[in-house]
């Protein structure tokens, strides 16, 4: 009931601010009050006392799912179930990261975020309460040695060079000039009326690109806990860049990207970034999807629709993540009152500086504002979507299928015949290695394989460790999808859209082997 009241209160406040524009003047004050009150609620989180844990329990995935909150937090790792309720506040990776993974099988997150140490696994032993007897989705084959060798070699490299894998320095050095240019181009586009519309459009193009870079750099690393070794760093920079500056939601992004996409990359039915159903989607990316006539033109209309990504993210997080508490196949764990307050305050503050200041304070005409606003957001959407798409939706990448028709309602004990790390190699595409400019412009997404194998490592270290992973791939006879440049990466994406749009394209999925 309390959560419902809060949701309606937030919606009422938003409506009131739109109806009574004069209230917008109070938005900064409201945002400060909401943030302070949220911090107060955070400080009141009690540390649960260590209780005597019941051992040898046998839990189904449905039973595990019930323990998804701070009062009762269970995680499943490699078939074992742990009660980490009393560990939440002392988790080195932060309370919020652990809560994101509670109530579900966290094996893949545990593996990819603790690749350089065996201490976490040993530490968990005292929280063991039993076994997970069924899983919601099939599990992956155990590591044959490929991922461990990659991790061991990368760890050895970092140690030999004295490198902190989460060093925040490169990101902060790049953030200062990026933010300076970002706000200056915003001023020239939306505030300064000395420029004609044509010049504002040109400057707005730069602003749109900078807005995308803002999320591709510091925010992206922060969402993976790859900026410094403290949760406060991640949440401050992540929420500053994505929530307050970009008007989206760090929490929503983590549910979709960190929990969904990274763990089940390119698996239809599990990865929220690709179509979930066999029919009804605007695009056909996987062979199992039922063909319809409009797909013949998807290579023409989809690149145009990519511009909507930025606008879509501004409402999707509210109506899907915060209200429905779901993201496609991904279950969203209970959202705290303070996170809902932060979501409302950040949206309002974003509206304040993006709309209220230019139009109400500095007198920009509504028509010119909305034209430039939509134009800028399309530029941002294109920049983000194209960089995301070429890395996975490509003729060079493989797609797989989570056949939910075969998974019983009470769970499964099936295992996909592929290792998780091998899946990341097969479903990701790299390009432009060694090109520092391209690496900067795409936020190191041109090292997609490295990012998926080691998401908790700073993106500015990817060029250094990519040769190590390439070498291990050769040893294990694994094809590393590496293209010469962005042109080839784009062609791979375009060709995939075109091929999947053909009516006579074979219907079936790549085998997981």
Foldseek 3Di string as FASTA:
>chain_A
DVLVVLLVVLVVVVVVCVVPVVCLVCLVVLLVVLLVVLVVVVVPDDQDDDDDAAAADEAELVRQQVQQDLVWFWEAAPFWIFTCNNVQCVPLLHNVVSSQRTSAHCHQVVCQAPLQDPVVVVVRVVRTHHGHPFHAFAAADPDPCLLNQLSPVVNVVCVVVVHDLLEQVVLVVVVVVLVVLLVVLLCVQQFDPPDDLVVSLVSLLVNLLSLLLLCLALLLLLLLQSHDRHVVSSVVSNCVSCQQALQFDSLLCCQQPVVFCLQQPQAACGRLVDHNDLDDDPAFQFQQRAADQNLLCCLPVVLQCLLCVSVCRNCCCVVVCSPVQARRNGHHGDDDSSSSSNSSSSNSNNCSVLPCCRPVVRNDDPVSSVVSVSSSSSSNSSLQSLLVQLFFRFLQAFHHYRPVVPADPSGHHHYAHAHSLLNLQRRTAAEQQPPVVVCSSSSLCNLVSQCSSHVNGRSVCSSVSVVVSVVSCVVVVRDGHYYHHVVVSSVRNSVSSNQSNDNPRRRDHDGRD
